[in-house]
Amino acid sequence: MTESINAFDGENEIVYSADFIIYQNKLILKNVIEEYSFEFLFENELDKTGQINWIGDDLTKLVKVKLINFNNSLGTGSTQPLPMLKTHDGKQILISVYAKTLNGDSEFRKVSVTFYKK
């Protein structure tokens, strides 16, 4: 049986959601939404709290997402979906990211990424 499942968080359609285990502080997702690829870079900076920054390039369709201090054993994540892109038909793409480690020094990181369309 092949059925399509549509999932929603309230009125936001969940268009992609997955969990990953990474060890090299970089997660690359290719051709996820509207042919855009995403490169998630995890960095630790002692003088900052958890932050998410990104820069995108429409020509290469690559979005680089810098996640600062997402290395907590209890987890660090966005507190709400963040607007990131607009589709060619004017809809908004939002992202939510959550990551946790075994401890602050471990290279192990479990990352959950969800994209929404609004």
PDB file of N, CA and C in Angstrom:
ATOM      1  N   MET A   1       0.841  -1.166   0.000  1.00  0.00           N
ATOM      2  CA  MET A   1       0.000   0.000   0.000  1.00  0.00           C
ATOM      3  C   MET A   1       0.895   1.241   0.000  1.00  0.00           C
ATOM      4  N   THR A   2       0.710   2.083  -0.980  1.00  0.00           N
ATOM      5  CA  THR A   2       1.475   3.319  -1.080  1.00  0.00           C
ATOM      6  C   THR A   2       0.542   4.491  -0.891  1.00  0.00           C
ATOM      7  N   GLU A   3       0.712   5.163   0.235  1.00  0.00           N
ATOM      8  CA  GLU A   3      -0.106   6.338   0.515  1.00  0.00           C
ATOM      9  C   GLU A   3       0.795   7.499   0.868  1.00  0.00           C
ATOM     10  N   SER A   4       0.371   8.671   0.502  1.00  0.00           N
ATOM     11  CA  SER A   4       1.094   9.879   0.856  1.00  0.00           C
ATOM     12  C   SER A   4       0.573  10.374   2.200  1.00  0.00           C
ATOM     13  N   ILE A   5       1.498  10.723   3.078  1.00  0.00           N
ATOM     14  CA  ILE A   5       1.124  11.235   4.392  1.00  0.00           C
ATOM     15  C   ILE A   5       1.434  12.726   4.416  1.00  0.00           C
ATOM     16  N   ASN A   6       0.451  13.525   4.780  1.00  0.00           N
ATOM     17  CA  ASN A   6       0.652  14.957   4.959  1.00  0.00           C
ATOM     18  C   ASN A   6       0.668  15.233   6.450  1.00  0.00           C
ATOM     19  N   ALA A   7       1.728  15.884   6.927  1.00  0.00           N
ATOM     20  CA  ALA A   7       1.863  16.191   8.346  1.00  0.00           C
ATOM     21  C   ALA A   7       1.889  17.698   8.536  1.00  0.00           C
ATOM     22  N   PHE A   8       1.301  18.153   9.633  1.00  0.00           N
ATOM     23  CA  PHE A   8       1.212  19.578   9.928  1.00  0.00           C
ATOM     24  C   PHE A   8       1.529  19.832  11.389  1.00  0.00           C
ATOM     25  N   ASP A   9       2.154  20.961  11.660  1.00  0.00           N
ATOM     26  CA  ASP A   9       2.317  21.503  13.001  1.00  0.00           C
ATOM     27  C   ASP A   9       1.421  22.726  13.034  1.00  0.00           C
ATOM     28  N   GLY A  10       0.204  22.548  13.521  1.00  0.00           N
ATOM     29  CA  GLY A  10      -0.787  23.613  13.420  1.00  0.00           C
ATOM     30  C   GLY A  10      -1.111  23.817  11.955  1.00  0.00           C
ATOM     31  N   GLU A  11      -0.897  25.027  11.453  1.00  0.00           N
ATOM     32  CA  GLU A  11      -1.164  25.318  10.048  1.00  0.00           C
ATOM     33  C   GLU A  11       0.074  25.191   9.167  1.00  0.00           C
ATOM     34  N   ASN A  12       1.230  24.940   9.768  1.00  0.00           N
ATOM     35  CA  ASN A  12       2.469  24.791   8.997  1.00  0.00           C
ATOM     36  C   ASN A  12       2.620  23.346   8.533  1.00  0.00           C
ATOM     37  N   GLU A  13       2.765  23.164   7.216  1.00  0.00           N
ATOM     38  CA  GLU A  13       2.973  21.823   6.677  1.00  0.00           C
ATOM     39  C   GLU A  13       4.417  21.393   6.914  1.00  0.00           C
ATOM     40  N   ILE A  14       4.613  20.201   7.451  1.00  0.00           N
ATOM     41  CA  ILE A  14       5.947  19.648   7.635  1.00  0.00           C
ATOM     42  C   ILE A  14       6.330  18.994   6.312  1.00  0.00           C
ATOM     43  N   VAL A  15       7.333  19.562   5.635  1.00  0.00           N
ATOM     44  CA  VAL A  15       7.704  19.061   4.316  1.00  0.00           C
ATOM     45  C   VAL A  15       8.936  18.156   4.357  1.00  0.00           C
ATOM     46  N   TYR A  16       9.695  18.206   5.455  1.00  0.00           N
ATOM     47  CA  TYR A  16      10.847  17.330   5.608  1.00  0.00           C
ATOM     48  C   TYR A  16      11.213  17.303   7.081  1.00  0.00           C
ATOM     49  N   SER A  17      11.469  16.111   7.607  1.00  0.00           N
ATOM     50  CA  SER A  17      11.907  15.983   8.990  1.00  0.00           C
ATOM     51  C   SER A  17      12.736  14.716   9.128  1.00  0.00           C
ATOM     52  N   ALA A  18      13.908  14.836   9.751  1.00  0.00           N
ATOM     53  CA  ALA A  18      14.769  13.669   9.917  1.00  0.00           C
ATOM     54  C   ALA A  18      15.737  13.891  11.076  1.00  0.00           C
ATOM     55  N   ASP A  19      16.220  12.783  11.624  1.00  0.00           N
ATOM     56  CA  ASP A  19      17.242  12.778  12.666  1.00  0.00           C
ATOM     57  C   ASP A  19      18.519  12.190  12.085  1.00  0.00           C
ATOM     58  N   PHE A  20      19.661  12.746  12.503  1.00  0.00           N
ATOM     59  CA  PHE A  20      20.948  12.294  12.013  1.00  0.00           C
ATOM     60  C   PHE A  20      21.920  12.164  13.182  1.00  0.00           C
ATOM     61  N   ILE A  21      22.830  11.220  13.080  1.00  0.00           N
ATOM     62  CA  ILE A  21      23.953  11.106  14.001  1.00  0.00           C
ATOM     63  C   ILE A  21      25.187  11.525  13.206  1.00  0.00           C
ATOM     64  N   ILE A  22      25.895  12.553  13.689  1.00  0.00           N
ATOM     65  CA  ILE A  22      27.097  13.020  12.988  1.00  0.00           C
ATOM     66  C   ILE A  22      28.274  13.065  13.968  1.00  0.00           C
ATOM     67  N   TYR A  23      29.479  13.029  13.421  1.00  0.00           N
ATOM     68  CA  TYR A  23      30.696  13.033  14.234  1.00  0.00           C
ATOM     69  C   TYR A  23      31.705  14.094  13.805  1.00  0.00           C
ATOM     70  N   GLN A  24      31.478  14.776  12.689  1.00  0.00           N
ATOM     71  CA  GLN A  24      32.481  15.702  12.180  1.00  0.00           C
ATOM     72  C   GLN A  24      31.993  17.149  12.155  1.00  0.00           C
ATOM     73  N   ASN A  25      30.991  17.480  12.955  1.00  0.00           N
ATOM     74  CA  ASN A  25      30.490  18.847  13.112  1.00  0.00           C
ATOM     75  C   ASN A  25      29.963  19.471  11.829  1.00  0.00           C
ATOM     76  N   LYS A  26      29.630  18.652  10.839  1.00  0.00           N
ATOM     77  CA  LYS A  26      29.080  19.166   9.587  1.00  0.00           C
ATOM     78  C   LYS A  26      28.032  18.182   9.079  1.00  0.00           C
ATOM     79  N   LEU A  27      26.854  18.717   8.765  1.00  0.00           N
ATOM     80  CA  LEU A  27      25.775  17.921   8.181  1.00  0.00           C
ATOM     81  C   LEU A  27      25.380  18.586   6.876  1.00  0.00           C
ATOM     82  N   ILE A  28      25.375  17.821   5.786  1.00  0.00           N
ATOM     83  CA  ILE A  28      25.007  18.350   4.477  1.00  0.00           C
ATOM     84  C   ILE A  28      23.757  17.631   3.996  1.00  0.00           C
ATOM     85  N   LEU A  29      22.733  18.408   3.654  1.00  0.00           N
ATOM     86  CA  LEU A  29      21.492  17.877   3.090  1.00  0.00           C
ATOM     87  C   LEU A  29      21.368  18.443   1.685  1.00  0.00           C
ATOM     88  N   LYS A  30      21.336  17.581   0.687  1.00  0.00           N
ATOM     89  CA  LYS A  30      21.302  18.031  -0.704  1.00  0.00           C
ATOM     90  C   LYS A  30      19.895  17.965  -1.275  1.00  0.00           C
ATOM     91  N   ASN A  31      19.540  19.005  -2.032  1.00  0.00           N
ATOM     92  CA  ASN A  31      18.257  19.085  -2.745  1.00  0.00           C
ATOM     93  C   ASN A  31      17.065  18.768  -1.846  1.00  0.00           C
ATOM     94  N   VAL A  32      16.990  19.458  -0.720  1.00  0.00           N
ATOM     95  CA  VAL A  32      15.931  19.195   0.250  1.00  0.00           C
ATOM     96  C   VAL A  32      14.632  19.891  -0.138  1.00  0.00           C
ATOM     97  N   ILE A  33      14.683  21.205  -0.360  1.00  0.00           N
ATOM     98  CA  ILE A  33      13.489  21.991  -0.627  1.00  0.00           C
ATOM     99  C   ILE A  33      13.766  22.934  -1.783  1.00  0.00           C
ATOM    100  N   GLU A  34      12.873  22.934  -2.767  1.00  0.00           N
ATOM    101  CA  GLU A  34      13.019  23.837  -3.915  1.00  0.00           C
ATOM    102  C   GLU A  34      14.413  23.743  -4.525  1.00  0.00           C
ATOM    103  N   GLU A  35      14.989  22.541  -4.518  1.00  0.00           N
ATOM    104  CA  GLU A  35      16.330  22.260  -5.049  1.00  0.00           C
ATOM    105  C   GLU A  35      17.451  22.919  -4.259  1.00  0.00           C
ATOM    106  N   TYR A  36      17.161  23.451  -3.073  1.00  0.00           N
ATOM    107  CA  TYR A  36      18.189  24.027  -2.211  1.00  0.00           C
ATOM    108  C   TYR A  36      18.867  22.932  -1.411  1.00  0.00           C
ATOM    109  N   SER A  37      20.167  23.105  -1.196  1.00  0.00           N
ATOM    110  CA  SER A  37      20.940  22.242  -0.317  1.00  0.00           C
ATOM    111  C   SER A  37      21.306  23.046   0.926  1.00  0.00           C
ATOM    112  N   PHE A  38      21.529  22.336   2.018  1.00  0.00           N
ATOM    113  CA  PHE A  38      21.824  22.979   3.294  1.00  0.00           C
ATOM    114  C   PHE A  38      23.072  22.359   3.888  1.00  0.00           C
ATOM    115  N   GLU A  39      23.962  23.229   4.360  1.00  0.00           N
ATOM    116  CA  GLU A  39      25.187  22.798   5.023  1.00  0.00           C
ATOM    117  C   GLU A  39      25.130  23.331   6.450  1.00  0.00           C
ATOM    118  N   PHE A  40      25.008  22.427   7.413  1.00  0.00           N
ATOM    119  CA  PHE A  40      24.949  22.796   8.828  1.00  0.00           C
ATOM    120  C   PHE A  40      26.341  22.636   9.423  1.00  0.00           C
ATOM    121  N   LEU A  41      26.875  23.728   9.972  1.00  0.00           N
ATOM    122  CA  LEU A  41      28.199  23.734  10.582  1.00  0.00           C
ATOM    123  C   LEU A  41      28.045  23.994  12.078  1.00  0.00           C
ATOM    124  N   PHE A  42      28.554  23.085  12.891  1.00  0.00           N
ATOM    125  CA  PHE A  42      28.459  23.213  14.343  1.00  0.00           C
ATOM    126  C   PHE A  42      29.772  23.740  14.875  1.00  0.00           C
ATOM    127  N   GLU A  43      29.703  24.873  15.591  1.00  0.00           N
ATOM    128  CA  GLU A  43      30.896  25.509  16.132  1.00  0.00           C
ATOM    129  C   GLU A  43      30.688  25.817  17.609  1.00  0.00           C
ATOM    130  N   ASN A  44      31.777  25.790  18.359  1.00  0.00           N
ATOM    131  CA  ASN A  44      31.739  26.145  19.772  1.00  0.00           C
ATOM    132  C   ASN A  44      32.502  27.445  19.974  1.00  0.00           C
ATOM    133  N   GLU A  45      31.849  28.397  20.614  1.00  0.00           N
ATOM    134  CA  GLU A  45      32.473  29.674  20.931  1.00  0.00           C
ATOM    135  C   GLU A  45      32.150  29.986  22.384  1.00  0.00           C
ATOM    136  N   LEU A  46      33.164  30.018  23.224  1.00  0.00           N
ATOM    137  CA  LEU A  46      32.984  30.145  24.659  1.00  0.00           C
ATOM    138  C   LEU A  46      32.259  31.415  25.083  1.00  0.00           C
ATOM    139  N   ASP A  47      32.413  32.500  24.349  1.00  0.00           N
ATOM    140  CA  ASP A  47      31.846  33.777  24.760  1.00  0.00           C
ATOM    141  C   ASP A  47      30.424  34.011  24.251  1.00  0.00           C
ATOM    142  N   LYS A  48      29.790  32.991  23.670  1.00  0.00           N
ATOM    143  CA  LYS A  48      28.450  33.170  23.117  1.00  0.00           C
ATOM    144  C   LYS A  48      27.491  32.117  23.651  1.00  0.00           C
ATOM    145  N   THR A  49      26.210  32.435  23.601  1.00  0.00           N
ATOM    146  CA  THR A  49      25.179  31.450  23.905  1.00  0.00           C
ATOM    147  C   THR A  49      24.783  30.766  22.597  1.00  0.00           C
ATOM    148  N   GLY A  50      23.867  29.811  22.654  1.00  0.00           N
ATOM    149  CA  GLY A  50      23.432  29.112  21.444  1.00  0.00           C
ATOM    150  C   GLY A  50      22.845  30.081  20.422  1.00  0.00           C
ATOM    151  N   GLN A  51      23.323  29.996  19.195  1.00  0.00           N
ATOM    152  CA  GLN A  51      22.854  30.878  18.118  1.00  0.00           C
ATOM    153  C   GLN A  51      22.736  30.102  16.817  1.00  0.00           C
ATOM    154  N   ILE A  52      21.830  30.579  15.955  1.00  0.00           N
ATOM    155  CA  ILE A  52      21.704  30.054  14.601  1.00  0.00           C
ATOM    156  C   ILE A  52      21.837  31.233  13.639  1.00  0.00           C
ATOM    157  N   ASN A  53      22.785  31.136  12.719  1.00  0.00           N
ATOM    158  CA  ASN A  53      22.981  32.151  11.674  1.00  0.00           C
ATOM    159  C   ASN A  53      23.023  31.436  10.335  1.00  0.00           C
ATOM    160  N   TRP A  54      22.583  32.088   9.291  1.00  0.00           N
ATOM    161  CA  TRP A  54      22.679  31.478   7.965  1.00  0.00           C
ATOM    162  C   TRP A  54      22.857  32.525   6.894  1.00  0.00           C
ATOM    163  N   ILE A  55      23.400  32.044   5.782  1.00  0.00           N
ATOM    164  CA  ILE A  55      23.562  32.862   4.593  1.00  0.00           C
ATOM    165  C   ILE A  55      23.247  31.952   3.407  1.00  0.00           C
ATOM    166  N   GLY A  56      22.465  32.479   2.481  1.00  0.00           N
ATOM    167  CA  GLY A  56      22.070  31.683   1.331  1.00  0.00           C
ATOM    168  C   GLY A  56      22.501  32.315   0.029  1.00  0.00           C
ATOM    169  N   ASP A  57      22.588  31.469  -0.968  1.00  0.00           N
ATOM    170  CA  ASP A  57      22.984  31.920  -2.297  1.00  0.00           C
ATOM    171  C   ASP A  57      21.982  31.355  -3.297  1.00  0.00           C
ATOM    172  N   ASP A  58      21.200  32.236  -3.928  1.00  0.00           N
ATOM    173  CA  ASP A  58      20.196  31.793  -4.893  1.00  0.00           C
ATOM    174  C   ASP A  58      20.811  31.186  -6.143  1.00  0.00           C
ATOM    175  N   LEU A  59      21.995  31.634  -6.512  1.00  0.00           N
ATOM    176  CA  LEU A  59      22.635  31.128  -7.726  1.00  0.00           C
ATOM    177  C   LEU A  59      23.037  29.656  -7.569  1.00  0.00           C
ATOM    178  N   THR A  60      23.708  29.328  -6.467  1.00  0.00           N
ATOM    179  CA  THR A  60      24.141  27.945  -6.227  1.00  0.00           C
ATOM    180  C   THR A  60      23.092  27.125  -5.487  1.00  0.00           C
ATOM    181  N   LYS A  61      22.054  27.809  -4.979  1.00  0.00           N
ATOM    182  CA  LYS A  61      20.987  27.168  -4.193  1.00  0.00           C
ATOM    183  C   LYS A  61      21.568  26.429  -2.983  1.00  0.00           C
ATOM    184  N   LEU A  62      22.487  27.106  -2.289  1.00  0.00           N
ATOM    185  CA  LEU A  62      23.114  26.563  -1.095  1.00  0.00           C
ATOM    186  C   LEU A  62      22.876  27.521   0.073  1.00  0.00           C
ATOM    187  N   VAL A  63      22.426  26.959   1.192  1.00  0.00           N
ATOM    188  CA  VAL A  63      22.260  27.731   2.426  1.00  0.00           C
ATOM    189  C   VAL A  63      23.228  27.150   3.447  1.00  0.00           C
ATOM    190  N   LYS A  64      24.116  28.010   3.962  1.00  0.00           N
ATOM    191  CA  LYS A  64      25.049  27.600   5.011  1.00  0.00           C
ATOM    192  C   LYS A  64      24.484  28.059   6.346  1.00  0.00           C
ATOM    193  N   VAL A  65      24.272  27.088   7.224  1.00  0.00           N
ATOM    194  CA  VAL A  65      23.680  27.350   8.535  1.00  0.00           C
ATOM    195  C   VAL A  65      24.755  27.114   9.590  1.00  0.00           C
ATOM    196  N   LYS A  66      25.083  28.167  10.346  1.00  0.00           N
ATOM    197  CA  LYS A  66      26.088  28.079  11.401  1.00  0.00           C
ATOM    198  C   LYS A  66      25.360  27.948  12.735  1.00  0.00           C
ATOM    199  N   LEU A  67      25.626  26.862  13.446  1.00  0.00           N
ATOM    200  CA  LEU A  67      25.005  26.606  14.745  1.00  0.00           C
ATOM    201  C   LEU A  67      26.083  26.719  15.813  1.00  0.00           C
ATOM    202  N   ILE A  68      25.963  27.730  16.646  1.00  0.00           N
ATOM    203  CA  ILE A  68      26.980  28.016  17.654  1.00  0.00           C
ATOM    204  C   ILE A  68      26.526  27.471  19.004  1.00  0.00           C
ATOM    205  N   ASN A  69      27.394  26.689  19.632  1.00  0.00           N
ATOM    206  CA  ASN A  69      27.183  26.120  20.966  1.00  0.00           C
ATOM    207  C   ASN A  69      25.955  25.203  21.040  1.00  0.00           C
ATOM    208  N   PHE A  70      25.775  24.372  20.036  1.00  0.00           N
ATOM    209  CA  PHE A  70      24.753  23.323  20.052  1.00  0.00           C
ATOM    210  C   PHE A  70      25.426  22.024  20.509  1.00  0.00           C
ATOM    211  N   ASN A  71      26.043  22.062  21.690  1.00  0.00           N
ATOM    212  CA  ASN A  71      26.821  20.926  22.180  1.00  0.00           C
ATOM    213  C   ASN A  71      26.478  20.558  23.616  1.00  0.00           C
ATOM    214  N   ASN A  72      25.233  20.672  23.982  1.00  0.00           N
ATOM    215  CA  ASN A  72      24.778  20.393  25.332  1.00  0.00           C
ATOM    216  C   ASN A  72      24.258  18.965  25.409  1.00  0.00           C
ATOM    217  N   SER A  73      24.556  18.264  26.495  1.00  0.00           N
ATOM    218  CA  SER A  73      24.085  16.884  26.630  1.00  0.00           C
ATOM    219  C   SER A  73      22.567  16.823  26.824  1.00  0.00           C
ATOM    220  N   LEU A  74      21.948  17.893  27.268  1.00  0.00           N
ATOM    221  CA  LEU A  74      20.486  17.943  27.378  1.00  0.00           C
ATOM    222  C   LEU A  74      19.844  18.413  26.081  1.00  0.00           C
ATOM    223  N   GLY A  75      20.635  19.036  25.238  1.00  0.00           N
ATOM    224  CA  GLY A  75      20.155  19.488  23.940  1.00  0.00           C
ATOM    225  C   GLY A  75      20.017  20.985  23.854  1.00  0.00           C
ATOM    226  N   THR A  76      20.173  21.490  22.644  1.00  0.00           N
ATOM    227  CA  THR A  76      20.003  22.900  22.322  1.00  0.00           C
ATOM    228  C   THR A  76      19.224  22.965  21.023  1.00  0.00           C
ATOM    229  N   GLY A  77      18.277  23.891  20.947  1.00  0.00           N
ATOM    230  CA  GLY A  77      17.504  23.977  19.715  1.00  0.00           C
ATOM    231  C   GLY A  77      16.808  25.305  19.566  1.00  0.00           C
ATOM    232  N   SER A  78      16.203  25.463  18.410  1.00  0.00           N
ATOM    233  CA  SER A  78      15.405  26.662  18.167  1.00  0.00           C
ATOM    234  C   SER A  78      14.128  26.540  18.990  1.00  0.00           C
ATOM    235  N   THR A  79      13.645  27.653  19.525  1.00  0.00           N
ATOM    236  CA  THR A  79      12.447  27.628  20.361  1.00  0.00           C
ATOM    237  C   THR A  79      11.170  27.724  19.546  1.00  0.00           C
ATOM    238  N   GLN A  80      11.317  28.010  18.254  1.00  0.00           N
ATOM    239  CA  GLN A  80      10.186  28.056  17.337  1.00  0.00           C
ATOM    240  C   GLN A  80      10.736  27.925  15.915  1.00  0.00           C
ATOM    241  N   PRO A  81       9.905  27.559  14.945  1.00  0.00           N
ATOM    242  CA  PRO A  81      10.391  27.503  13.570  1.00  0.00           C
ATOM    243  C   PRO A  81      10.834  28.891  13.100  1.00  0.00           C
ATOM    244  N   LEU A  82      11.972  28.937  12.424  1.00  0.00           N
ATOM    245  CA  LEU A  82      12.546  30.201  11.967  1.00  0.00           C
ATOM    246  C   LEU A  82      12.357  30.354  10.468  1.00  0.00           C
ATOM    247  N   PRO A  83      11.864  31.522   9.995  1.00  0.00           N
ATOM    248  CA  PRO A  83      11.711  31.728   8.556  1.00  0.00           C
ATOM    249  C   PRO A  83      13.072  31.784   7.876  1.00  0.00           C
ATOM    250  N   MET A  84      13.207  31.027   6.768  1.00  0.00           N
ATOM    251  CA  MET A  84      14.505  30.936   6.108  1.00  0.00           C
ATOM    252  C   MET A  84      14.447  31.279   4.626  1.00  0.00           C
ATOM    253  N   LEU A  85      13.470  30.791   3.888  1.00  0.00           N
ATOM    254  CA  LEU A  85      13.393  30.989   2.444  1.00  0.00           C
ATOM    255  C   LEU A  85      11.969  31.304   2.026  1.00  0.00           C
ATOM    256  N   LYS A  86      11.843  31.819   0.805  1.00  0.00           N
ATOM    257  CA  LYS A  86      10.536  31.950   0.161  1.00  0.00           C
ATOM    258  C   LYS A  86      10.560  31.115  -1.102  1.00  0.00           C
ATOM    259  N   THR A  87       9.474  30.386  -1.362  1.00  0.00           N
ATOM    260  CA  THR A  87       9.397  29.558  -2.553  1.00  0.00           C
ATOM    261  C   THR A  87       9.044  30.427  -3.757  1.00  0.00           C
ATOM    262  N   HIS A  88       9.147  29.849  -4.938  1.00  0.00           N
ATOM    263  CA  HIS A  88       8.821  30.589  -6.157  1.00  0.00           C
ATOM    264  C   HIS A  88       7.355  31.003  -6.203  1.00  0.00           C
ATOM    265  N   ASP A  89       6.488  30.301  -5.445  1.00  0.00           N
ATOM    266  CA  ASP A  89       5.066  30.674  -5.409  1.00  0.00           C
ATOM    267  C   ASP A  89       4.716  31.529  -4.187  1.00  0.00           C
ATOM    268  N   GLY A  90       5.740  32.070  -3.491  1.00  0.00           N
ATOM    269  CA  GLY A  90       5.517  33.015  -2.411  1.00  0.00           C
ATOM    270  C   GLY A  90       5.293  32.416  -1.029  1.00  0.00           C
ATOM    271  N   LYS A  91       5.370  31.094  -0.900  1.00  0.00           N
ATOM    272  CA  LYS A  91       5.212  30.479   0.419  1.00  0.00           C
ATOM    273  C   LYS A  91       6.519  30.588   1.193  1.00  0.00           C
ATOM    274  N   GLN A  92       6.404  30.565   2.503  1.00  0.00           N
ATOM    275  CA  GLN A  92       7.571  30.706   3.353  1.00  0.00           C
ATOM    276  C   GLN A  92       8.049  29.333   3.825  1.00  0.00           C
ATOM    277  N   ILE A  93       9.366  29.120   3.803  1.00  0.00           N
ATOM    278  CA  ILE A  93       9.976  27.909   4.341  1.00  0.00           C
ATOM    279  C   ILE A  93      10.585  28.268   5.693  1.00  0.00           C
ATOM    280  N   LEU A  94      10.213  27.491   6.716  1.00  0.00           N
ATOM    281  CA  LEU A  94      10.725  27.689   8.067  1.00  0.00           C
ATOM    282  C   LEU A  94      11.557  26.472   8.450  1.00  0.00           C
ATOM    283  N   ILE A  95      12.443  26.660   9.412  1.00  0.00           N
ATOM    284  CA  ILE A  95      13.301  25.563   9.858  1.00  0.00           C
ATOM    285  C   ILE A  95      13.331  25.496  11.376  1.00  0.00           C
ATOM    286  N   SER A  96      13.439  24.280  11.881  1.00  0.00           N
ATOM    287  CA  SER A  96      13.627  24.037  13.302  1.00  0.00           C
ATOM    288  C   SER A  96      14.790  23.054  13.441  1.00  0.00           C
ATOM    289  N   VAL A  97      15.724  23.339  14.354  1.00  0.00           N
ATOM    290  CA  VAL A  97      16.896  22.489  14.549  1.00  0.00           C
ATOM    291  C   VAL A  97      17.061  22.212  16.035  1.00  0.00           C
ATOM    292  N   TYR A  98      17.386  20.956  16.353  1.00  0.00           N
ATOM    293  CA  TYR A  98      17.675  20.551  17.720  1.00  0.00           C
ATOM    294  C   TYR A  98      18.884  19.630  17.672  1.00  0.00           C
ATOM    295  N   ALA A  99      19.824  19.812  18.579  1.00  0.00           N
ATOM    296  CA  ALA A  99      21.006  18.948  18.615  1.00  0.00           C
ATOM    297  C   ALA A  99      21.409  18.686  20.056  1.00  0.00           C
ATOM    298  N   LYS A 100      21.968  17.496  20.273  1.00  0.00           N
ATOM    299  CA  LYS A 100      22.513  17.188  21.595  1.00  0.00           C
ATOM    300  C   LYS A 100      23.722  16.290  21.445  1.00  0.00           C
ATOM    301  N   THR A 101      24.583  16.323  22.458  1.00  0.00           N
ATOM    302  CA  THR A 101      25.799  15.521  22.471  1.00  0.00           C
ATOM    303  C   THR A 101      25.763  14.590  23.673  1.00  0.00           C
ATOM    304  N   LEU A 102      26.697  13.663  23.723  1.00  0.00           N
ATOM    305  CA  LEU A 102      26.812  12.804  24.908  1.00  0.00           C
ATOM    306  C   LEU A 102      27.368  13.602  26.074  1.00  0.00           C
ATOM    307  N   ASN A 103      28.312  14.488  25.768  1.00  0.00           N
ATOM    308  CA  ASN A 103      28.849  15.448  26.739  1.00  0.00           C
ATOM    309  C   ASN A 103      29.458  16.590  25.948  1.00  0.00           C
ATOM    310  N   GLY A 104      29.853  17.645  26.593  1.00  0.00           N
ATOM    311  CA  GLY A 104      30.345  18.833  25.902  1.00  0.00           C
ATOM    312  C   GLY A 104      31.588  18.627  25.065  1.00  0.00           C
ATOM    313  N   ASP A 105      32.348  17.556  25.331  1.00  0.00           N
ATOM    314  CA  ASP A 105      33.597  17.315  24.608  1.00  0.00           C
ATOM    315  C   ASP A 105      33.488  16.222  23.546  1.00  0.00           C
ATOM    316  N   SER A 106      32.363  15.559  23.471  1.00  0.00           N
ATOM    317  CA  SER A 106      32.197  14.436  22.553  1.00  0.00           C
ATOM    318  C   SER A 106      32.031  14.898  21.106  1.00  0.00           C
ATOM    319  N   GLU A 107      32.519  14.103  20.162  1.00  0.00           N
ATOM    320  CA  GLU A 107      32.306  14.394  18.746  1.00  0.00           C
ATOM    321  C   GLU A 107      30.943  13.887  18.279  1.00  0.00           C
ATOM    322  N   PHE A 108      30.301  13.038  19.074  1.00  0.00           N
ATOM    323  CA  PHE A 108      28.959  12.537  18.759  1.00  0.00           C
ATOM    324  C   PHE A 108      27.942  13.667  18.876  1.00  0.00           C
ATOM    325  N   ARG A 109      27.062  13.749  17.888  1.00  0.00           N
ATOM    326  CA  ARG A 109      25.992  14.746  17.946  1.00  0.00           C
ATOM    327  C   ARG A 109      24.761  14.160  17.260  1.00  0.00           C
ATOM    328  N   LYS A 110      23.629  14.196  17.949  1.00  0.00           N
ATOM    329  CA  LYS A 110      22.353  13.802  17.346  1.00  0.00           C
ATOM    330  C   LYS A 110      21.649  15.087  16.932  1.00  0.00           C
ATOM    331  N   VAL A 111      21.286  15.166  15.650  1.00  0.00           N
ATOM    332  CA  VAL A 111      20.708  16.379  15.095  1.00  0.00           C
ATOM    333  C   VAL A 111      19.329  16.066  14.519  1.00  0.00           C
ATOM    334  N   SER A 112      18.346  16.860  14.901  1.00  0.00           N
ATOM    335  CA  SER A 112      17.001  16.765  14.335  1.00  0.00           C
ATOM    336  C   SER A 112      16.734  18.036  13.540  1.00  0.00           C
ATOM    337  N   VAL A 113      16.312  17.865  12.288  1.00  0.00           N
ATOM    338  CA  VAL A 113      16.030  18.996  11.398  1.00  0.00           C
ATOM    339  C   VAL A 113      14.628  18.829  10.854  1.00  0.00           C
ATOM    340  N   THR A 114      13.831  19.908  10.926  1.00  0.00           N
ATOM    341  CA  THR A 114      12.482  19.888  10.356  1.00  0.00           C
ATOM    342  C   THR A 114      12.292  21.165   9.536  1.00  0.00           C
ATOM    343  N   PHE A 115      11.774  20.984   8.330  1.00  0.00           N
ATOM    344  CA  PHE A 115      11.411  22.104   7.457  1.00  0.00           C
ATOM    345  C   PHE A 115       9.892  22.166   7.333  1.00  0.00           C
ATOM    346  N   TYR A 116       9.368  23.372   7.387  1.00  0.00           N
ATOM    347  CA  TYR A 116       7.922  23.623   7.293  1.00  0.00           C
ATOM    348  C   TYR A 116       7.647  24.542   6.121  1.00  0.00           C
ATOM    349  N   LYS A 117       6.450  24.431   5.579  1.00  0.00           N
ATOM    350  CA  LYS A 117       5.994  25.366   4.539  1.00  0.00           C
ATOM    351  C   LYS A 117       4.765  26.061   5.074  1.00  0.00           C
ATOM    352  N   LYS A 118       4.773  27.388   4.996  1.00  0.00           N
ATOM    353  CA  LYS A 118       3.676  28.200   5.535  1.00  0.00           C
ATOM    354  C   LYS A 118       3.035  28.990   4.419  1.00  0.00           C
TER     355      LYS A 118
END
